[in-house]
């Protein structure tokens, strides 16, 4: 009786090309989507707050309203400068796109030097669009750190 030896070299190779393609596709996707999130945020100096707490805003469908330029305040949403009436319409349209299972939220970012009247107008626009949830973004300041800086 003869015993057959298995044929072949015993080397198994795996084609890595599809996996590398998927990794690059995922990498490109995450780079692009992170840049879209940055487009919604304008450069502002946020007002300090001692009592603010950090919130997880990722669970909401958010619209970021930026109020910039203390000298001549204007509203910027999605990279576009809007009037209050245009802001109300954009918020209404965005709210209409939200599914019933999602919660819509407005994040208001105003420069620390912006007069409160401008912030109040943006809040009224969210009310006209019948949006209940909104946050004002501030810079969270540690009271202990602030006290130490005051002693110097």
N, C-alpha and C. Protein backbone atom coordinates (compact mmCIF):
# COMPACT_ATOMS: atom_id res chain seq x y z
N UNK A 1 0.83 -1.17 0.00
CA UNK A 1 0.00 0.00 0.00
C UNK A 1 0.89 1.24 0.00
N UNK A 2 0.56 2.15 -0.86
CA UNK A 2 1.33 3.39 -0.98
C UNK A 2 0.57 4.53 -0.34
N UNK A 3 1.29 5.36 0.37
CA UNK A 3 0.70 6.56 0.98
C UNK A 3 1.08 7.75 0.12
N UNK A 4 0.06 8.47 -0.28
CA UNK A 4 0.31 9.65 -1.11
C UNK A 4 0.66 10.82 -0.24
N UNK A 5 1.69 11.51 -0.62
CA UNK A 5 2.05 12.74 0.07
C UNK A 5 1.25 13.88 -0.53
N UNK A 6 0.82 14.81 0.32
CA UNK A 6 0.07 15.94 -0.23
C UNK A 6 0.92 16.74 -1.20
N UNK A 7 0.31 17.16 -2.27
CA UNK A 7 1.02 17.94 -3.26
C UNK A 7 1.08 19.42 -2.89
N UNK A 8 1.87 20.17 -3.53
CA UNK A 8 1.98 21.60 -3.29
C UNK A 8 3.15 21.92 -2.38
N UNK A 9 3.39 23.17 -2.22
CA UNK A 9 4.54 23.61 -1.43
C UNK A 9 4.21 23.84 0.03
N UNK A 10 2.94 23.87 0.37
CA UNK A 10 2.55 24.11 1.75
C UNK A 10 2.45 25.59 2.10
N UNK A 11 2.70 26.48 1.14
CA UNK A 11 2.64 27.91 1.39
C UNK A 11 1.24 28.41 0.99
N UNK A 12 0.60 29.06 1.91
CA UNK A 12 -0.72 29.62 1.64
C UNK A 12 -0.58 31.13 1.57
N UNK A 13 -1.14 31.76 0.57
CA UNK A 13 -1.06 33.21 0.48
C UNK A 13 -2.47 33.78 0.39
N UNK A 14 -2.61 34.95 0.95
CA UNK A 14 -3.89 35.62 0.95
C UNK A 14 -3.73 36.91 0.15
N UNK A 15 -4.69 37.17 -0.73
CA UNK A 15 -4.65 38.38 -1.52
C UNK A 15 -5.09 39.55 -0.63
N UNK A 16 -4.20 40.47 -0.33
CA UNK A 16 -4.47 41.59 0.58
C UNK A 16 -5.01 42.82 -0.14
N UNK A 17 -5.05 42.81 -1.44
CA UNK A 17 -5.48 43.98 -2.20
C UNK A 17 -6.89 44.44 -1.83
N UNK A 18 -7.89 43.57 -1.75
CA UNK A 18 -9.24 44.05 -1.38
C UNK A 18 -9.28 44.67 0.03
N UNK A 19 -8.54 44.09 0.95
CA UNK A 19 -8.54 44.64 2.30
C UNK A 19 -7.88 46.02 2.34
N UNK A 20 -6.81 46.18 1.62
CA UNK A 20 -6.13 47.47 1.57
C UNK A 20 -7.04 48.51 0.91
N UNK A 21 -7.76 48.11 -0.14
CA UNK A 21 -8.73 49.02 -0.77
C UNK A 21 -9.78 49.47 0.22
N UNK A 22 -10.32 48.56 1.01
CA UNK A 22 -11.33 48.92 2.01
C UNK A 22 -10.77 49.85 3.08
N UNK A 23 -9.56 49.61 3.51
CA UNK A 23 -8.95 50.47 4.53
C UNK A 23 -8.79 51.89 3.99
N UNK A 24 -8.33 52.02 2.76
CA UNK A 24 -8.18 53.35 2.18
C UNK A 24 -9.52 54.04 1.98
N UNK A 25 -10.54 53.29 1.57
CA UNK A 25 -11.88 53.88 1.42
C UNK A 25 -12.41 54.39 2.75
N UNK A 26 -12.25 53.60 3.81
CA UNK A 26 -12.68 54.05 5.13
C UNK A 26 -11.90 55.26 5.59
N UNK A 27 -10.62 55.27 5.35
CA UNK A 27 -9.78 56.40 5.74
C UNK A 27 -10.23 57.68 5.03
N UNK A 28 -10.48 57.60 3.75
CA UNK A 28 -10.95 58.76 2.99
C UNK A 28 -12.31 59.21 3.50
N UNK A 29 -13.21 58.29 3.78
CA UNK A 29 -14.53 58.63 4.29
C UNK A 29 -14.44 59.41 5.60
N UNK A 30 -13.64 58.91 6.54
CA UNK A 30 -13.54 59.58 7.84
C UNK A 30 -12.86 60.94 7.74
N UNK A 31 -11.91 61.07 6.86
CA UNK A 31 -11.25 62.37 6.67
C UNK A 31 -12.25 63.38 6.10
N UNK A 32 -13.01 62.98 5.12
CA UNK A 32 -13.98 63.90 4.51
C UNK A 32 -15.09 64.28 5.48
N UNK A 33 -15.64 63.34 6.20
CA UNK A 33 -16.74 63.66 7.11
C UNK A 33 -16.27 64.52 8.28
N UNK A 34 -15.06 64.34 8.74
CA UNK A 34 -14.57 65.18 9.84
C UNK A 34 -14.39 66.61 9.37
N UNK A 35 -14.05 66.81 8.10
CA UNK A 35 -13.90 68.16 7.59
C UNK A 35 -15.25 68.83 7.39
N UNK A 36 -16.31 68.09 7.07
CA UNK A 36 -17.64 68.68 6.96
C UNK A 36 -18.11 69.20 8.31
N UNK A 37 -17.81 68.47 9.37
CA UNK A 37 -18.20 68.92 10.71
C UNK A 37 -17.47 70.22 11.06
N UNK A 38 -16.23 70.35 10.63
CA UNK A 38 -15.48 71.58 10.91
C UNK A 38 -16.01 72.77 10.12
N UNK A 39 -16.65 72.53 8.97
CA UNK A 39 -17.18 73.61 8.16
C UNK A 39 -18.31 74.35 8.86
N UNK A 40 -19.01 73.68 9.77
CA UNK A 40 -20.14 74.31 10.46
C UNK A 40 -19.67 75.28 11.54
N UNK A 41 -18.43 75.19 11.95
CA UNK A 41 -17.94 75.99 13.08
C UNK A 41 -17.08 77.13 12.57
N UNK A 42 -17.45 78.34 12.96
CA UNK A 42 -16.68 79.53 12.63
C UNK A 42 -15.71 79.84 13.78
N UNK A 43 -14.71 80.60 13.50
CA UNK A 43 -13.74 80.99 14.52
C UNK A 43 -14.33 82.09 15.40
N UNK A 44 -14.62 81.76 16.65
CA UNK A 44 -15.13 82.73 17.62
C UNK A 44 -14.42 82.52 18.95
N UNK A 45 -14.36 83.59 19.73
CA UNK A 45 -13.84 83.51 21.10
C UNK A 45 -15.06 83.29 21.99
N UNK A 46 -15.19 82.07 22.51
CA UNK A 46 -16.37 81.73 23.29
C UNK A 46 -16.33 82.39 24.66
N UNK A 47 -17.50 82.77 25.20
CA UNK A 47 -17.53 83.34 26.54
C UNK A 47 -17.20 82.28 27.59
N UNK A 48 -16.51 82.65 28.66
CA UNK A 48 -16.16 81.66 29.69
C UNK A 48 -17.36 81.33 30.58
N UNK A 49 -17.36 80.13 31.14
CA UNK A 49 -18.40 79.71 32.07
C UNK A 49 -17.79 78.84 33.15
N UNK A 50 -18.14 79.14 34.40
CA UNK A 50 -17.64 78.34 35.53
C UNK A 50 -18.54 77.15 35.83
N UNK A 51 -19.82 77.24 35.45
CA UNK A 51 -20.77 76.20 35.84
C UNK A 51 -21.22 75.31 34.69
N UNK A 52 -20.75 75.56 33.49
CA UNK A 52 -21.17 74.74 32.34
C UNK A 52 -20.63 73.33 32.47
N UNK A 53 -21.38 72.39 31.92
CA UNK A 53 -20.93 71.00 31.87
C UNK A 53 -20.87 70.57 30.42
N UNK A 54 -19.99 69.66 30.15
CA UNK A 54 -19.80 69.16 28.80
C UNK A 54 -20.99 68.28 28.41
N UNK A 55 -21.46 68.41 27.17
CA UNK A 55 -22.62 67.66 26.69
C UNK A 55 -22.20 66.77 25.51
N UNK A 56 -22.90 65.67 25.37
CA UNK A 56 -22.69 64.79 24.22
C UNK A 56 -23.68 65.21 23.13
N UNK A 57 -23.21 66.00 22.20
CA UNK A 57 -24.09 66.53 21.16
C UNK A 57 -24.26 65.57 19.99
N UNK A 58 -23.54 64.45 19.98
CA UNK A 58 -23.61 63.53 18.84
C UNK A 58 -24.92 62.77 18.78
N UNK A 59 -25.70 62.74 19.85
CA UNK A 59 -26.96 62.00 19.84
C UNK A 59 -28.11 62.81 19.25
N UNK A 60 -27.84 64.05 18.86
CA UNK A 60 -28.87 64.92 18.32
C UNK A 60 -28.57 65.25 16.87
N UNK A 61 -29.59 65.68 16.16
CA UNK A 61 -29.41 66.24 14.82
C UNK A 61 -29.21 67.73 15.04
N UNK A 62 -28.02 68.22 14.83
CA UNK A 62 -27.65 69.58 15.22
C UNK A 62 -27.58 70.54 14.05
N UNK A 63 -27.92 71.78 14.36
CA UNK A 63 -27.66 72.91 13.48
C UNK A 63 -26.82 73.87 14.30
N UNK A 64 -25.67 74.25 13.78
CA UNK A 64 -24.78 75.15 14.49
C UNK A 64 -24.98 76.56 13.96
N UNK A 65 -25.37 77.47 14.86
CA UNK A 65 -25.53 78.88 14.51
C UNK A 65 -24.34 79.63 15.09
N UNK A 66 -23.58 80.30 14.23
CA UNK A 66 -22.44 81.09 14.65
C UNK A 66 -22.78 82.57 14.53
N UNK A 67 -22.54 83.33 15.59
CA UNK A 67 -22.70 84.78 15.51
C UNK A 67 -21.30 85.35 15.65
N UNK A 68 -20.81 85.94 14.58
CA UNK A 68 -19.41 86.35 14.51
C UNK A 68 -19.29 87.86 14.30
N UNK A 69 -18.07 88.33 14.42
CA UNK A 69 -17.68 89.72 14.17
C UNK A 69 -18.37 90.71 15.11
N UNK A 70 -17.78 90.95 16.28
CA UNK A 70 -18.38 91.86 17.25
C UNK A 70 -18.63 93.27 16.71
N UNK A 71 -17.81 93.72 15.76
CA UNK A 71 -17.98 95.07 15.20
C UNK A 71 -19.27 95.20 14.40
N UNK A 72 -19.53 94.21 13.57
CA UNK A 72 -20.78 94.19 12.81
C UNK A 72 -21.31 92.76 12.85
N UNK A 73 -22.05 92.42 13.90
CA UNK A 73 -22.48 91.02 14.09
C UNK A 73 -23.31 90.49 12.92
N UNK A 74 -23.00 89.26 12.53
CA UNK A 74 -23.81 88.60 11.52
C UNK A 74 -23.85 87.10 11.82
N UNK A 75 -24.90 86.46 11.31
CA UNK A 75 -25.17 85.06 11.58
C UNK A 75 -24.63 84.22 10.44
N UNK A 76 -23.89 83.16 10.79
CA UNK A 76 -23.34 82.25 9.80
C UNK A 76 -23.81 80.84 10.13
N UNK A 77 -24.48 80.20 9.16
CA UNK A 77 -24.94 78.82 9.30
C UNK A 77 -24.53 78.07 8.05
N UNK A 78 -23.88 76.92 8.24
CA UNK A 78 -23.40 76.11 7.12
C UNK A 78 -22.50 76.92 6.18
N UNK A 79 -21.75 77.85 6.73
CA UNK A 79 -20.83 78.64 5.93
C UNK A 79 -21.46 79.80 5.20
N UNK A 80 -22.77 80.03 5.37
CA UNK A 80 -23.46 81.12 4.68
C UNK A 80 -23.92 82.17 5.67
N UNK A 81 -23.75 83.44 5.30
CA UNK A 81 -24.25 84.54 6.12
C UNK A 81 -25.74 84.70 5.86
N UNK A 82 -26.53 84.71 6.95
CA UNK A 82 -27.99 84.76 6.83
C UNK A 82 -28.58 85.93 7.62
N UNK A 83 -29.73 86.40 7.16
CA UNK A 83 -30.52 87.35 7.94
C UNK A 83 -31.36 86.53 8.92
N UNK A 84 -32.05 87.20 9.85
CA UNK A 84 -32.88 86.48 10.81
C UNK A 84 -34.03 85.73 10.13
N UNK A 85 -34.64 86.33 9.13
CA UNK A 85 -35.72 85.66 8.41
C UNK A 85 -35.21 84.43 7.66
N UNK A 86 -34.04 84.57 7.04
CA UNK A 86 -33.44 83.42 6.35
C UNK A 86 -33.07 82.33 7.34
N UNK A 87 -32.58 82.72 8.51
CA UNK A 87 -32.25 81.74 9.55
C UNK A 87 -33.48 80.96 9.96
N UNK A 88 -34.59 81.65 10.17
CA UNK A 88 -35.84 80.98 10.54
C UNK A 88 -36.25 79.97 9.47
N UNK A 89 -36.14 80.36 8.20
CA UNK A 89 -36.53 79.45 7.11
C UNK A 89 -35.60 78.24 7.04
N UNK A 90 -34.29 78.46 7.21
CA UNK A 90 -33.34 77.34 7.19
C UNK A 90 -33.65 76.37 8.33
N UNK A 91 -33.94 76.90 9.50
CA UNK A 91 -34.26 76.05 10.65
C UNK A 91 -35.56 75.27 10.43
N UNK A 92 -36.56 75.91 9.83
CA UNK A 92 -37.82 75.21 9.53
C UNK A 92 -37.59 74.07 8.54
N UNK A 93 -36.79 74.35 7.49
CA UNK A 93 -36.50 73.32 6.49
C UNK A 93 -35.74 72.16 7.11
N UNK A 94 -34.76 72.49 7.94
CA UNK A 94 -33.96 71.45 8.58
C UNK A 94 -34.82 70.61 9.52
N UNK A 95 -35.73 71.27 10.23
CA UNK A 95 -36.62 70.55 11.15
C UNK A 95 -37.56 69.62 10.37
N UNK A 96 -38.01 70.05 9.21
CA UNK A 96 -38.89 69.22 8.39
C UNK A 96 -38.17 67.96 7.91
N UNK A 97 -36.85 68.03 7.75
CA UNK A 97 -36.07 66.88 7.29
C UNK A 97 -35.79 65.87 8.40
N UNK A 98 -35.99 66.26 9.65
CA UNK A 98 -35.67 65.38 10.78
C UNK A 98 -36.76 64.32 10.93
N UNK A 99 -36.34 63.09 11.11
CA UNK A 99 -37.28 61.99 11.30
C UNK A 99 -37.94 62.11 12.67
N UNK A 100 -39.09 61.49 12.82
CA UNK A 100 -39.82 61.57 14.09
C UNK A 100 -39.06 60.90 15.23
N UNK A 101 -38.15 59.98 14.90
CA UNK A 101 -37.38 59.28 15.94
C UNK A 101 -36.15 60.07 16.39
N UNK A 102 -35.81 61.13 15.65
CA UNK A 102 -34.64 61.94 15.98
C UNK A 102 -35.04 63.20 16.74
N UNK A 103 -34.08 63.76 17.45
CA UNK A 103 -34.29 65.02 18.16
C UNK A 103 -33.42 66.08 17.51
N UNK A 104 -34.02 67.21 17.19
CA UNK A 104 -33.25 68.30 16.60
C UNK A 104 -32.82 69.26 17.68
N UNK A 105 -31.63 69.76 17.55
CA UNK A 105 -31.06 70.65 18.54
C UNK A 105 -30.28 71.75 17.82
N UNK A 106 -30.27 72.93 18.40
CA UNK A 106 -29.52 74.05 17.87
C UNK A 106 -28.38 74.35 18.83
N UNK A 107 -27.19 74.48 18.29
CA UNK A 107 -26.03 74.88 19.08
C UNK A 107 -25.70 76.31 18.69
N UNK A 108 -25.80 77.20 19.64
CA UNK A 108 -25.56 78.62 19.40
C UNK A 108 -24.15 78.97 19.87
N UNK A 109 -23.32 79.45 18.94
CA UNK A 109 -21.94 79.84 19.26
C UNK A 109 -21.81 81.32 18.94
N UNK A 110 -21.62 82.12 19.97
CA UNK A 110 -21.48 83.56 19.76
C UNK A 110 -20.16 84.02 20.34
N UNK A 111 -19.53 84.94 19.66
CA UNK A 111 -18.29 85.53 20.16
C UNK A 111 -18.57 86.21 21.50
N UNK A 112 -17.61 86.19 22.40
CA UNK A 112 -17.79 86.74 23.74
C UNK A 112 -18.11 88.23 23.70
N UNK A 113 -17.72 88.93 22.65
CA UNK A 113 -17.94 90.38 22.55
C UNK A 113 -19.25 90.76 21.85
N UNK A 114 -20.01 89.76 21.40
CA UNK A 114 -21.28 90.02 20.72
C UNK A 114 -22.29 90.53 21.73
N UNK A 115 -23.01 91.62 21.42
CA UNK A 115 -24.07 92.09 22.33
C UNK A 115 -25.16 91.03 22.49
N UNK A 116 -25.74 90.96 23.68
CA UNK A 116 -26.75 89.95 23.98
C UNK A 116 -27.97 90.07 23.06
N UNK A 117 -28.29 91.26 22.59
CA UNK A 117 -29.44 91.43 21.71
C UNK A 117 -29.33 90.55 20.47
N UNK A 118 -28.11 90.41 19.94
CA UNK A 118 -27.91 89.58 18.75
C UNK A 118 -28.15 88.11 19.07
N UNK A 119 -27.70 87.68 20.24
CA UNK A 119 -27.92 86.29 20.67
C UNK A 119 -29.41 86.05 20.88
N UNK A 120 -30.10 87.01 21.50
CA UNK A 120 -31.54 86.87 21.73
C UNK A 120 -32.30 86.78 20.42
N UNK A 121 -31.88 87.50 19.40
CA UNK A 121 -32.55 87.43 18.10
C UNK A 121 -32.43 86.03 17.49
N UNK A 122 -31.25 85.45 17.63
CA UNK A 122 -31.06 84.09 17.11
C UNK A 122 -31.92 83.10 17.89
N UNK A 123 -32.06 83.32 19.20
CA UNK A 123 -32.93 82.45 20.01
C UNK A 123 -34.39 82.59 19.57
N UNK A 124 -34.80 83.80 19.24
CA UNK A 124 -36.17 84.01 18.76
C UNK A 124 -36.40 83.31 17.43
N UNK A 125 -35.39 83.29 16.58
CA UNK A 125 -35.52 82.60 15.29
C UNK A 125 -35.73 81.11 15.51
N UNK A 126 -35.06 80.52 16.50
CA UNK A 126 -35.28 79.10 16.80
C UNK A 126 -36.70 78.89 17.33
N UNK A 127 -37.20 79.85 18.10
CA UNK A 127 -38.57 79.76 18.60
C UNK A 127 -39.59 79.84 17.47
N UNK A 128 -39.34 80.74 16.50
CA UNK A 128 -40.24 80.86 15.35
C UNK A 128 -40.25 79.58 14.51
N UNK A 129 -39.12 78.87 14.51
CA UNK A 129 -39.04 77.60 13.78
C UNK A 129 -39.58 76.44 14.61
N UNK A 130 -40.06 76.74 15.82
CA UNK A 130 -40.63 75.78 16.75
C UNK A 130 -39.64 74.67 17.11
N UNK A 131 -38.41 75.10 17.39
CA UNK A 131 -37.38 74.18 17.86
C UNK A 131 -37.22 74.40 19.36
N UNK A 132 -37.42 73.35 20.11
CA UNK A 132 -37.39 73.45 21.56
C UNK A 132 -35.98 73.37 22.14
N UNK A 133 -35.15 72.51 21.59
CA UNK A 133 -33.83 72.26 22.19
C UNK A 133 -32.74 73.11 21.58
N UNK A 134 -32.03 73.81 22.42
CA UNK A 134 -30.85 74.54 21.94
C UNK A 134 -29.87 74.71 23.09
N UNK A 135 -28.62 74.82 22.73
CA UNK A 135 -27.55 75.00 23.70
C UNK A 135 -26.74 76.23 23.29
N UNK A 136 -26.20 76.88 24.29
CA UNK A 136 -25.24 77.96 24.04
C UNK A 136 -23.87 77.41 24.38
N UNK A 137 -22.98 77.43 23.42
CA UNK A 137 -21.65 76.87 23.65
C UNK A 137 -20.76 77.91 24.33
N UNK A 138 -20.10 77.49 25.39
CA UNK A 138 -19.19 78.36 26.13
C UNK A 138 -17.86 77.64 26.33
N UNK A 139 -16.89 78.38 26.78
CA UNK A 139 -15.61 77.78 27.15
C UNK A 139 -15.69 77.43 28.62
N UNK A 140 -15.51 76.16 28.93
CA UNK A 140 -15.61 75.71 30.32
C UNK A 140 -14.31 76.06 31.03
N UNK A 141 -14.43 76.84 32.11
CA UNK A 141 -13.27 77.30 32.86
C UNK A 141 -13.28 76.59 34.21
N UNK A 142 -12.14 76.05 34.60
CA UNK A 142 -12.00 75.40 35.90
C UNK A 142 -11.88 76.47 36.98
N UNK A 143 -12.79 76.51 37.98
CA UNK A 143 -12.74 77.56 39.01
C UNK A 143 -11.43 77.57 39.80
N UNK A 144 -10.87 76.38 40.06
CA UNK A 144 -9.60 76.32 40.80
C UNK A 144 -8.47 76.94 40.00
N UNK A 145 -8.45 76.65 38.71
CA UNK A 145 -7.41 77.23 37.85
C UNK A 145 -7.56 78.75 37.76
N UNK A 146 -8.80 79.22 37.68
CA UNK A 146 -9.08 80.63 37.61
C UNK A 146 -8.64 81.34 38.89
N UNK A 147 -8.88 80.71 40.03
CA UNK A 147 -8.48 81.28 41.32
C UNK A 147 -6.95 81.36 41.42
N UNK A 148 -6.27 80.32 40.94
CA UNK A 148 -4.80 80.34 40.98
C UNK A 148 -4.24 81.45 40.09
N UNK A 149 -4.84 81.64 38.92
CA UNK A 149 -4.39 82.71 38.02
C UNK A 149 -4.65 84.08 38.62
N UNK A 150 -5.73 84.21 39.38
CA UNK A 150 -6.07 85.48 40.02
C UNK A 150 -5.11 85.83 41.14
N UNK A 151 -4.49 84.83 41.75
CA UNK A 151 -3.57 85.07 42.84
C UNK A 151 -2.21 85.52 42.35
N UNK A 152 -1.90 85.27 41.10
CA UNK A 152 -0.57 85.62 40.56
C UNK A 152 -0.40 87.10 40.39
